[in-house]
Amino acid sequence: MLIRGHKALMKPDQLDAIKEDFKSSSLLDKLDKAYSQCSPSNGVQGPNIDANADFRECHRLIKSCFSALFFPFFASILPRLTLIAFCHTQPFLFETIISFARKPVSEHNLNDGYGLVAATGLLYLSLAISLTYY
């Protein structure tokens, strides 16, 4: 499809059908269910203009969207937090490597050098994984 689109201007009827995984029917069902469960308790449909209206009843669409998209919304938070943590860990690792390199050779412990190499590899592998998931 990329090659066809590059060669000529494509019209909507020339596009391939969307796979079932990418259709929004399941999301629409979730949103519809959440919206119907989030109905106002006083039976009034639509926004309340009354000054004494309950605050929770005024935001029916927002609440239903949030409850329908709860997992996708929070799915990006953990990878982002780990990415932030690993980015802020880099200066500490660099400081440790520099202090290790400044020591005289007689004070070097071979295991400390191997540990720093392993920590550097682990840090950059963790950064790559968390960035990929984010």
N, C-alpha and C. Protein backbone atom coordinates (compact mmCIF):
# COMPACT_ATOMS: atom_id res chain seq x y z
N MET A 1 0.83 -1.18 0.00
CA MET A 1 0.00 0.00 0.00
C MET A 1 0.88 1.25 0.00
N LEU A 2 2.03 1.18 0.65
CA LEU A 2 2.94 2.31 0.64
C LEU A 2 3.43 2.62 -0.77
N ILE A 3 3.76 1.58 -1.50
CA ILE A 3 4.25 1.78 -2.87
C ILE A 3 3.13 2.34 -3.76
N ARG A 4 1.92 1.79 -3.60
CA ARG A 4 0.79 2.30 -4.40
C ARG A 4 0.52 3.76 -4.07
N GLY A 5 0.59 4.11 -2.78
CA GLY A 5 0.35 5.49 -2.37
C GLY A 5 1.44 6.44 -2.82
N HIS A 6 2.65 5.91 -2.96
CA HIS A 6 3.75 6.74 -3.44
C HIS A 6 3.64 7.02 -4.93
N LYS A 7 3.15 6.04 -5.67
CA LYS A 7 3.06 6.18 -7.12
C LYS A 7 1.89 7.05 -7.56
N ALA A 8 0.76 6.94 -6.85
CA ALA A 8 -0.42 7.68 -7.28
C ALA A 8 -1.24 8.09 -6.07
N LEU A 9 -2.08 9.07 -6.28
CA LEU A 9 -2.98 9.53 -5.24
C LEU A 9 -4.07 8.49 -5.03
N MET A 10 -4.23 8.04 -3.79
CA MET A 10 -5.21 6.99 -3.50
C MET A 10 -6.51 7.59 -2.99
N LYS A 11 -7.59 6.95 -3.34
CA LYS A 11 -8.91 7.35 -2.88
C LYS A 11 -9.33 6.42 -1.75
N PRO A 12 -10.27 6.82 -0.91
CA PRO A 12 -10.67 5.98 0.23
C PRO A 12 -11.13 4.58 -0.16
N ASP A 13 -11.76 4.42 -1.32
CA ASP A 13 -12.23 3.08 -1.71
C ASP A 13 -11.09 2.17 -2.16
N GLN A 14 -9.90 2.73 -2.39
CA GLN A 14 -8.74 1.93 -2.78
C GLN A 14 -7.93 1.43 -1.56
N LEU A 15 -8.26 1.92 -0.39
CA LEU A 15 -7.54 1.50 0.81
C LEU A 15 -7.99 0.12 1.26
N ASP A 16 -7.08 -0.59 1.91
CA ASP A 16 -7.42 -1.90 2.45
C ASP A 16 -8.35 -1.75 3.65
N ALA A 17 -9.07 -2.80 3.94
CA ALA A 17 -9.98 -2.78 5.08
C ALA A 17 -9.18 -2.77 6.39
N ILE A 18 -9.73 -2.13 7.39
CA ILE A 18 -9.09 -2.09 8.71
C ILE A 18 -9.25 -3.44 9.38
N LYS A 19 -8.17 -3.93 9.98
CA LYS A 19 -8.24 -5.20 10.70
C LYS A 19 -9.13 -5.05 11.92
N GLU A 20 -9.65 -6.17 12.38
CA GLU A 20 -10.59 -6.17 13.51
C GLU A 20 -9.94 -5.63 14.78
N ASP A 21 -8.63 -5.85 14.93
CA ASP A 21 -7.94 -5.38 16.14
C ASP A 21 -7.90 -3.86 16.24
N PHE A 22 -7.93 -3.18 15.09
CA PHE A 22 -7.80 -1.74 15.08
C PHE A 22 -9.15 -1.02 15.04
N LYS A 23 -10.22 -1.74 14.95
CA LYS A 23 -11.53 -1.10 14.92
C LYS A 23 -11.89 -0.61 16.32
N SER A 24 -12.72 0.40 16.37
CA SER A 24 -13.05 1.01 17.65
C SER A 24 -14.37 0.52 18.22
N SER A 25 -14.89 -0.57 17.71
CA SER A 25 -16.19 -1.03 18.20
C SER A 25 -16.14 -1.46 19.66
N SER A 26 -15.05 -2.12 20.07
CA SER A 26 -14.96 -2.53 21.49
C SER A 26 -14.81 -1.31 22.38
N LEU A 27 -14.06 -0.30 21.93
CA LEU A 27 -13.93 0.92 22.71
C LEU A 27 -15.25 1.66 22.78
N LEU A 28 -16.00 1.67 21.70
CA LEU A 28 -17.30 2.31 21.70
C LEU A 28 -18.26 1.60 22.64
N ASP A 29 -18.20 0.27 22.68
CA ASP A 29 -19.04 -0.48 23.62
C ASP A 29 -18.68 -0.15 25.06
N LYS A 30 -17.38 -0.07 25.35
CA LYS A 30 -16.94 0.29 26.70
C LYS A 30 -17.41 1.68 27.09
N LEU A 31 -17.26 2.62 26.16
CA LEU A 31 -17.66 3.99 26.42
C LEU A 31 -19.17 4.10 26.61
N ASP A 32 -19.93 3.39 25.80
CA ASP A 32 -21.37 3.40 25.92
C ASP A 32 -21.82 2.83 27.26
N LYS A 33 -21.20 1.73 27.67
CA LYS A 33 -21.53 1.11 28.96
C LYS A 33 -21.18 2.04 30.11
N ALA A 34 -19.99 2.66 30.06
CA ALA A 34 -19.58 3.58 31.12
C ALA A 34 -20.47 4.82 31.16
N TYR A 35 -20.88 5.31 29.99
CA TYR A 35 -21.74 6.49 29.94
C TYR A 35 -23.12 6.20 30.50
N SER A 36 -23.64 5.00 30.21
CA SER A 36 -24.96 4.67 30.74
C SER A 36 -24.92 4.42 32.24
N GLN A 37 -23.80 3.93 32.76
CA GLN A 37 -23.68 3.71 34.20
C GLN A 37 -23.45 5.02 34.95
N CYS A 38 -23.03 6.04 34.25
CA CYS A 38 -22.68 7.31 34.87
C CYS A 38 -23.85 8.30 34.80
N SER A 39 -25.07 7.79 34.72
CA SER A 39 -26.22 8.68 34.55
C SER A 39 -26.50 9.47 35.82
N PRO A 40 -27.07 10.66 35.67
CA PRO A 40 -27.40 11.48 36.84
C PRO A 40 -28.43 10.79 37.72
N SER A 41 -28.30 10.97 39.03
CA SER A 41 -29.19 10.29 39.97
C SER A 41 -30.58 10.90 40.02
N ASN A 42 -30.74 12.16 39.62
CA ASN A 42 -32.06 12.79 39.70
C ASN A 42 -32.89 12.58 38.44
N GLY A 43 -32.37 11.84 37.46
CA GLY A 43 -33.14 11.52 36.27
C GLY A 43 -33.12 12.58 35.21
N VAL A 44 -32.46 13.71 35.43
CA VAL A 44 -32.40 14.78 34.45
C VAL A 44 -31.29 14.46 33.46
N GLN A 45 -31.60 14.45 32.19
CA GLN A 45 -30.59 14.18 31.16
C GLN A 45 -29.97 15.50 30.73
N GLY A 46 -28.68 15.47 30.43
CA GLY A 46 -27.99 16.67 29.98
C GLY A 46 -27.41 17.43 31.15
N PRO A 47 -26.76 18.54 30.88
CA PRO A 47 -26.12 19.30 31.96
C PRO A 47 -27.15 19.99 32.84
N ASN A 48 -26.86 20.04 34.11
CA ASN A 48 -27.73 20.73 35.06
C ASN A 48 -27.34 22.20 35.13
N ILE A 49 -28.31 23.06 35.04
CA ILE A 49 -28.04 24.49 35.10
C ILE A 49 -28.32 25.00 36.51
N ASP A 50 -28.99 24.20 37.32
CA ASP A 50 -29.31 24.57 38.69
C ASP A 50 -28.03 24.85 39.46
N ALA A 51 -28.03 25.91 40.27
CA ALA A 51 -26.84 26.29 41.03
C ALA A 51 -26.52 25.26 42.11
N ASN A 52 -27.51 24.51 42.58
CA ASN A 52 -27.31 23.52 43.63
C ASN A 52 -27.07 22.12 43.06
N ALA A 53 -26.81 22.02 41.78
CA ALA A 53 -26.62 20.72 41.15
C ALA A 53 -25.36 20.06 41.69
N ASP A 54 -25.43 18.76 41.78
CA ASP A 54 -24.29 17.98 42.28
C ASP A 54 -23.15 18.07 41.27
N PHE A 55 -21.95 18.34 41.75
CA PHE A 55 -20.79 18.50 40.87
C PHE A 55 -20.49 17.23 40.09
N ARG A 56 -20.73 16.08 40.70
CA ARG A 56 -20.44 14.81 40.04
C ARG A 56 -21.34 14.58 38.83
N GLU A 57 -22.52 15.10 38.81
CA GLU A 57 -23.46 14.89 37.72
C GLU A 57 -23.15 15.77 36.51
N CYS A 58 -22.35 16.79 36.69
CA CYS A 58 -22.08 17.73 35.61
C CYS A 58 -21.03 17.23 34.62
N HIS A 59 -20.26 16.24 35.00
CA HIS A 59 -19.14 15.81 34.17
C HIS A 59 -19.29 14.34 33.76
N ARG A 60 -20.43 14.02 33.23
CA ARG A 60 -20.75 12.64 32.88
C ARG A 60 -19.86 12.10 31.76
N LEU A 61 -19.63 12.88 30.73
CA LEU A 61 -18.82 12.42 29.60
C LEU A 61 -17.35 12.24 30.01
N ILE A 62 -16.83 13.17 30.77
CA ILE A 62 -15.44 13.07 31.21
C ILE A 62 -15.24 11.84 32.07
N LYS A 63 -16.16 11.61 33.01
CA LYS A 63 -16.04 10.44 33.88
C LYS A 63 -16.17 9.15 33.11
N SER A 64 -17.06 9.10 32.15
CA SER A 64 -17.23 7.86 31.37
C SER A 64 -16.03 7.61 30.46
N CYS A 65 -15.45 8.66 29.88
CA CYS A 65 -14.24 8.49 29.06
C CYS A 65 -13.08 8.00 29.92
N PHE A 66 -12.95 8.56 31.11
CA PHE A 66 -11.87 8.15 31.99
C PHE A 66 -12.03 6.70 32.43
N SER A 67 -13.24 6.29 32.75
CA SER A 67 -13.44 4.90 33.18
C SER A 67 -13.30 3.93 32.01
N ALA A 68 -13.66 4.32 30.81
CA ALA A 68 -13.51 3.44 29.65
C ALA A 68 -12.05 3.32 29.21
N LEU A 69 -11.29 4.38 29.42
CA LEU A 69 -9.89 4.40 28.99
C LEU A 69 -8.93 4.34 30.18
N PHE A 70 -9.36 3.72 31.26
CA PHE A 70 -8.55 3.69 32.49
C PHE A 70 -7.21 3.01 32.26
N PHE A 71 -7.20 1.81 31.69
CA PHE A 71 -5.93 1.10 31.49
C PHE A 71 -5.02 1.79 30.47
N PRO A 72 -5.52 2.19 29.30
CA PRO A 72 -4.62 2.88 28.37
C PRO A 72 -4.05 4.18 28.94
N PHE A 73 -4.81 4.86 29.79
CA PHE A 73 -4.34 6.10 30.39
C PHE A 73 -3.17 5.83 31.34
N PHE A 74 -3.32 4.82 32.19
CA PHE A 74 -2.29 4.53 33.18
C PHE A 74 -1.18 3.62 32.65
N ALA A 75 -1.36 3.06 31.49
CA ALA A 75 -0.34 2.15 30.94
C ALA A 75 0.95 2.89 30.58
N SER A 76 0.88 4.17 30.32
CA SER A 76 2.09 4.91 29.96
C SER A 76 2.77 5.55 31.16
N ILE A 77 2.16 5.50 32.32
CA ILE A 77 2.73 6.17 33.49
C ILE A 77 3.94 5.41 34.03
N LEU A 78 3.85 4.10 34.20
CA LEU A 78 4.96 3.33 34.76
C LEU A 78 6.20 3.37 33.87
N PRO A 79 6.09 3.16 32.55
CA PRO A 79 7.29 3.30 31.72
C PRO A 79 7.89 4.71 31.76
N ARG A 80 7.05 5.72 31.86
CA ARG A 80 7.58 7.09 31.93
C ARG A 80 8.31 7.32 33.25
N LEU A 81 7.77 6.81 34.35
CA LEU A 81 8.44 6.95 35.63
C LEU A 81 9.77 6.22 35.66
N THR A 82 9.82 5.03 35.07
CA THR A 82 11.10 4.32 35.02
C THR A 82 12.09 5.05 34.12
N LEU A 83 11.62 5.62 33.02
CA LEU A 83 12.50 6.38 32.15
C LEU A 83 13.08 7.59 32.88
N ILE A 84 12.25 8.28 33.63
CA ILE A 84 12.73 9.42 34.42
C ILE A 84 13.75 8.97 35.45
N ALA A 85 13.47 7.86 36.12
CA ALA A 85 14.40 7.36 37.13
C ALA A 85 15.74 6.99 36.52
N PHE A 86 15.73 6.31 35.40
CA PHE A 86 17.00 5.92 34.77
C PHE A 86 17.76 7.13 34.24
N CYS A 87 17.05 8.13 33.74
CA CYS A 87 17.72 9.34 33.26
C CYS A 87 18.39 10.08 34.42
N HIS A 88 17.74 10.10 35.57
CA HIS A 88 18.32 10.77 36.73
C HIS A 88 19.40 9.92 37.41
N THR A 89 19.51 8.66 37.06
CA THR A 89 20.55 7.80 37.60
C THR A 89 21.87 7.99 36.87
N GLN A 90 21.84 8.42 35.64
CA GLN A 90 23.04 8.59 34.83
C GLN A 90 24.10 9.47 35.49
N PRO A 91 23.77 10.65 36.01
CA PRO A 91 24.82 11.47 36.62
C PRO A 91 25.51 10.78 37.80
N PHE A 92 24.78 10.02 38.58
CA PHE A 92 25.39 9.32 39.70
C PHE A 92 26.36 8.24 39.22
N LEU A 93 25.99 7.57 38.15
CA LEU A 93 26.88 6.57 37.58
C LEU A 93 28.13 7.22 37.02
N PHE A 94 27.96 8.34 36.31
CA PHE A 94 29.11 9.03 35.74
C PHE A 94 30.04 9.55 36.84
N GLU A 95 29.47 10.05 37.90
CA GLU A 95 30.27 10.54 39.03
C GLU A 95 31.09 9.40 39.65
N THR A 96 30.46 8.23 39.78
CA THR A 96 31.16 7.07 40.33
C THR A 96 32.27 6.61 39.39
N ILE A 97 32.02 6.61 38.09
CA ILE A 97 33.04 6.21 37.12
C ILE A 97 34.22 7.18 37.14
N ILE A 98 33.92 8.48 37.22
CA ILE A 98 34.99 9.48 37.25
C ILE A 98 35.81 9.36 38.54
N SER A 99 35.14 9.16 39.66
CA SER A 99 35.90 8.99 40.91
C SER A 99 36.72 7.71 40.90
N PHE A 100 36.23 6.67 40.25
CA PHE A 100 37.01 5.43 40.12
C PHE A 100 38.23 5.66 39.23
N ALA A 101 38.06 6.42 38.16
CA ALA A 101 39.17 6.67 37.23
C ALA A 101 40.23 7.59 37.84
N ARG A 102 39.84 8.45 38.79
CA ARG A 102 40.78 9.37 39.42
C ARG A 102 41.67 8.68 40.45
N LYS A 103 41.24 7.54 40.97
CA LYS A 103 42.04 6.84 41.98
C LYS A 103 43.34 6.35 41.35
N PRO A 104 44.37 6.29 42.14
CA PRO A 104 45.61 5.69 41.62
C PRO A 104 45.40 4.21 41.30
N VAL A 105 46.19 3.71 40.38
CA VAL A 105 46.04 2.33 39.92
C VAL A 105 46.22 1.35 41.07
N SER A 106 47.05 1.70 42.04
CA SER A 106 47.28 0.80 43.17
C SER A 106 46.03 0.62 44.03
N GLU A 107 45.12 1.59 44.01
CA GLU A 107 43.90 1.51 44.82
C GLU A 107 42.72 0.91 44.05
N HIS A 108 42.90 0.61 42.79
CA HIS A 108 41.80 0.06 41.98
C HIS A 108 41.49 -1.37 42.41
N ASN A 109 40.23 -1.65 42.54
CA ASN A 109 39.77 -3.01 42.78
C ASN A 109 39.17 -3.49 41.46
N LEU A 110 39.64 -4.64 41.02
CA LEU A 110 39.20 -5.16 39.73
C LEU A 110 37.69 -5.39 39.70
N ASN A 111 37.13 -5.85 40.80
CA ASN A 111 35.69 -6.09 40.86
C ASN A 111 34.88 -4.80 40.76
N ASP A 112 35.43 -3.70 41.29
CA ASP A 112 34.73 -2.41 41.17
C ASP A 112 34.64 -1.97 39.71
N GLY A 113 35.70 -2.18 38.96
CA GLY A 113 35.69 -1.84 37.53
C GLY A 113 34.69 -2.67 36.76
N TYR A 114 34.68 -3.97 37.04
CA TYR A 114 33.69 -4.84 36.39
C TYR A 114 32.26 -4.45 36.78
N GLY A 115 32.10 -4.10 38.03
CA GLY A 115 30.77 -3.67 38.49
C GLY A 115 30.30 -2.40 37.80
N LEU A 116 31.23 -1.46 37.57
CA LEU A 116 30.86 -0.23 36.88
C LEU A 116 30.52 -0.49 35.42
N VAL A 117 31.25 -1.40 34.79
CA VAL A 117 30.94 -1.76 33.41
C VAL A 117 29.56 -2.41 33.33
N ALA A 118 29.28 -3.32 34.26
CA ALA A 118 27.97 -3.99 34.29
C ALA A 118 26.86 -3.00 34.60
N ALA A 119 27.11 -2.06 35.53
CA ALA A 119 26.09 -1.06 35.86
C ALA A 119 25.80 -0.16 34.67
N THR A 120 26.84 0.20 33.92
CA THR A 120 26.64 1.03 32.74
C THR A 120 25.81 0.29 31.69
N GLY A 121 26.16 -0.97 31.45
CA GLY A 121 25.38 -1.75 30.48
C GLY A 121 23.94 -1.93 30.92
N LEU A 122 23.75 -2.20 32.21
CA LEU A 122 22.39 -2.38 32.73
C LEU A 122 21.59 -1.09 32.65
N LEU A 123 22.24 0.03 32.94
CA LEU A 123 21.54 1.31 32.88
C LEU A 123 21.08 1.62 31.46
N TYR A 124 21.96 1.44 30.49
CA TYR A 124 21.58 1.77 29.12
C TYR A 124 20.60 0.76 28.53
N LEU A 125 20.69 -0.48 28.94
CA LEU A 125 19.68 -1.46 28.53
C LEU A 125 18.32 -1.11 29.12
N SER A 126 18.31 -0.72 30.39
CA SER A 126 17.06 -0.32 31.05
C SER A 126 16.49 0.94 30.42
N LEU A 127 17.34 1.88 30.06
CA LEU A 127 16.87 3.08 29.36
C LEU A 127 16.23 2.73 28.03
N ALA A 128 16.85 1.84 27.29
CA ALA A 128 16.30 1.44 25.99
C ALA A 128 14.96 0.75 26.15
N ILE A 129 14.85 -0.13 27.12
CA ILE A 129 13.59 -0.87 27.32
C ILE A 129 12.48 0.07 27.78
N SER A 130 12.78 0.93 28.75
CA SER A 130 11.74 1.83 29.25
C SER A 130 11.33 2.84 28.18
N LEU A 131 12.27 3.29 27.35
CA LEU A 131 11.93 4.21 26.27
C LEU A 131 11.09 3.51 25.22
N THR A 132 11.38 2.24 24.96
CA THR A 132 10.60 1.47 24.00
C THR A 132 9.16 1.31 24.48
N TYR A 133 8.99 0.97 25.75
CA TYR A 133 7.63 0.80 26.27
C TYR A 133 6.90 2.13 26.39
N TYR A 134 7.62 3.19 26.68
CA TYR A 134 6.97 4.49 26.80
C TYR A 134 6.51 4.97 25.44
